[in-house]
Amino acid sequence: MNEDPAIEELELSIRSQGVLADLGVQSLGQLAALSQNDIGAHPRVTSLVLRELSEILAQNGLAFREG
């Protein structure tokens, strides 16, 4: 697997994919560089989206940036 996979390579819901596209996030590394507050500020983000994104980061040994 690519060390910094593209978002399209991940098994994410359509809503999560859309949020990340809106934020300009194209890779898992870019996602990990954001905080939960950064993601949560998007109007379409729900607790389910945050949980899904946290889980995909954790599965790849990553986490959201603190702050």
C-alpha atoms as a PDB file:
ATOM      1  CA  MET A   1       0.000   0.000   0.000  1.00  0.00           C
ATOM      2  CA  ASN A   2       1.089   3.546  -0.720  1.00  0.00           C
ATOM      3  CA  GLU A   3       2.555   5.301   2.347  1.00  0.00           C
ATOM      4  CA  ASP A   4       0.249   8.292   1.790  1.00  0.00           C
ATOM      5  CA  PRO A   5      -2.765   6.881  -0.025  1.00  0.00           C
ATOM      6  CA  ALA A   6      -5.114   9.109  -1.967  1.00  0.00           C
ATOM      7  CA  ILE A   7      -8.536   9.661  -0.429  1.00  0.00           C
ATOM      8  CA  GLU A   8     -10.096   7.884  -3.431  1.00  0.00           C
ATOM      9  CA  GLU A   9      -8.183   4.711  -2.460  1.00  0.00           C
ATOM     10  CA  LEU A  10      -9.855   4.608   0.961  1.00  0.00           C
ATOM     11  CA  GLU A  11     -13.220   3.033   1.678  1.00  0.00           C
ATOM     12  CA  LEU A  12     -15.093   6.130   2.842  1.00  0.00           C
ATOM     13  CA  SER A  13     -18.744   7.101   2.703  1.00  0.00           C
ATOM     14  CA  ILE A  14     -19.890   9.490   0.012  1.00  0.00           C
ATOM     15  CA  ARG A  15     -20.501  12.177   2.649  1.00  0.00           C
ATOM     16  CA  SER A  16     -16.956  11.881   4.033  1.00  0.00           C
ATOM     17  CA  GLN A  17     -15.494  11.926   0.533  1.00  0.00           C
ATOM     18  CA  GLY A  18     -17.489  15.061  -0.259  1.00  0.00           C
ATOM     19  CA  VAL A  19     -16.391  16.852   2.893  1.00  0.00           C
ATOM     20  CA  LEU A  20     -12.744  16.041   2.212  1.00  0.00           C
ATOM     21  CA  ALA A  21     -13.087  17.185  -1.403  1.00  0.00           C
ATOM     22  CA  ASP A  22     -14.622  20.471  -0.211  1.00  0.00           C
ATOM     23  CA  LEU A  23     -11.670  20.934   2.166  1.00  0.00           C
ATOM     24  CA  GLY A  24      -9.158  20.133  -0.587  1.00  0.00           C
ATOM     25  CA  VAL A  25      -7.863  17.039   1.224  1.00  0.00           C
ATOM     26  CA  GLN A  26      -6.408  14.627  -1.332  1.00  0.00           C
ATOM     27  CA  SER A  27      -4.406  12.186   0.807  1.00  0.00           C
ATOM     28  CA  LEU A  28      -4.423  10.490   4.175  1.00  0.00           C
ATOM     29  CA  GLY A  29      -1.399  12.547   5.217  1.00  0.00           C
ATOM     30  CA  GLN A  30      -3.276  15.766   4.472  1.00  0.00           C
ATOM     31  CA  LEU A  31      -6.185  14.513   6.580  1.00  0.00           C
ATOM     32  CA  ALA A  32      -3.866  13.728   9.509  1.00  0.00           C
ATOM     33  CA  ALA A  33      -2.491  17.283   9.313  1.00  0.00           C
ATOM     34  CA  LEU A  34      -5.936  18.616  10.251  1.00  0.00           C
ATOM     35  CA  SER A  35      -7.497  18.756  13.706  1.00  0.00           C
ATOM     36  CA  GLN A  36     -10.979  17.503  14.538  1.00  0.00           C
ATOM     37  CA  ASN A  37     -11.939  21.168  14.926  1.00  0.00           C
ATOM     38  CA  ASP A  38     -10.764  21.856  11.360  1.00  0.00           C
ATOM     39  CA  ILE A  39     -12.998  19.065  10.062  1.00  0.00           C
ATOM     40  CA  GLY A  40     -15.869  19.859  12.429  1.00  0.00           C
ATOM     41  CA  ALA A  41     -16.104  23.422  11.116  1.00  0.00           C
ATOM     42  CA  HIS A  42     -17.424  22.102   7.785  1.00  0.00           C
ATOM     43  CA  PRO A  43     -21.239  22.464   7.678  1.00  0.00           C
ATOM     44  CA  ARG A  44     -21.854  18.892   6.419  1.00  0.00           C
ATOM     45  CA  VAL A  45     -19.781  17.164   9.092  1.00  0.00           C
ATOM     46  CA  THR A  46     -21.659  14.965  11.527  1.00  0.00           C
ATOM     47  CA  SER A  47     -20.412  12.880  14.435  1.00  0.00           C
ATOM     48  CA  LEU A  48     -20.547   9.859  12.106  1.00  0.00           C
ATOM     49  CA  VAL A  49     -18.207  11.549   9.618  1.00  0.00           C
ATOM     50  CA  LEU A  50     -15.767  12.463  12.404  1.00  0.00           C
ATOM     51  CA  ARG A  51     -15.866   8.893  13.721  1.00  0.00           C
ATOM     52  CA  GLU A  52     -15.332   7.418  10.242  1.00  0.00           C
ATOM     53  CA  LEU A  53     -12.364   9.699   9.558  1.00  0.00           C
ATOM     54  CA  SER A  54     -10.854   9.014  13.003  1.00  0.00           C
ATOM     55  CA  GLU A  55     -11.183   5.273  12.405  1.00  0.00           C
ATOM     56  CA  ILE A  56      -9.542   5.386   8.970  1.00  0.00           C
ATOM     57  CA  LEU A  57      -6.654   7.373  10.431  1.00  0.00           C
ATOM     58  CA  ALA A  58      -6.285   4.905  13.330  1.00  0.00           C
ATOM     59  CA  GLN A  59      -6.316   1.925  10.924  1.00  0.00           C
ATOM     60  CA  ASN A  60      -3.304   3.502   9.256  1.00  0.00           C
ATOM     61  CA  GLY A  61      -1.466   4.351  12.489  1.00  0.00           C
ATOM     62  CA  LEU A  62      -2.375   8.030  12.326  1.00  0.00           C
ATOM     63  CA  ALA A  63      -4.540  10.511  14.222  1.00  0.00           C
ATOM     64  CA  PHE A  64      -5.864  14.014  13.825  1.00  0.00           C
ATOM     65  CA  ARG A  65      -3.492  16.836  14.721  1.00  0.00           C
ATOM     66  CA  GLU A  66      -3.990  18.126  18.260  1.00  0.00           C
ATOM     67  CA  GLY A  67      -5.759  21.436  18.512  1.00  0.00           C
END
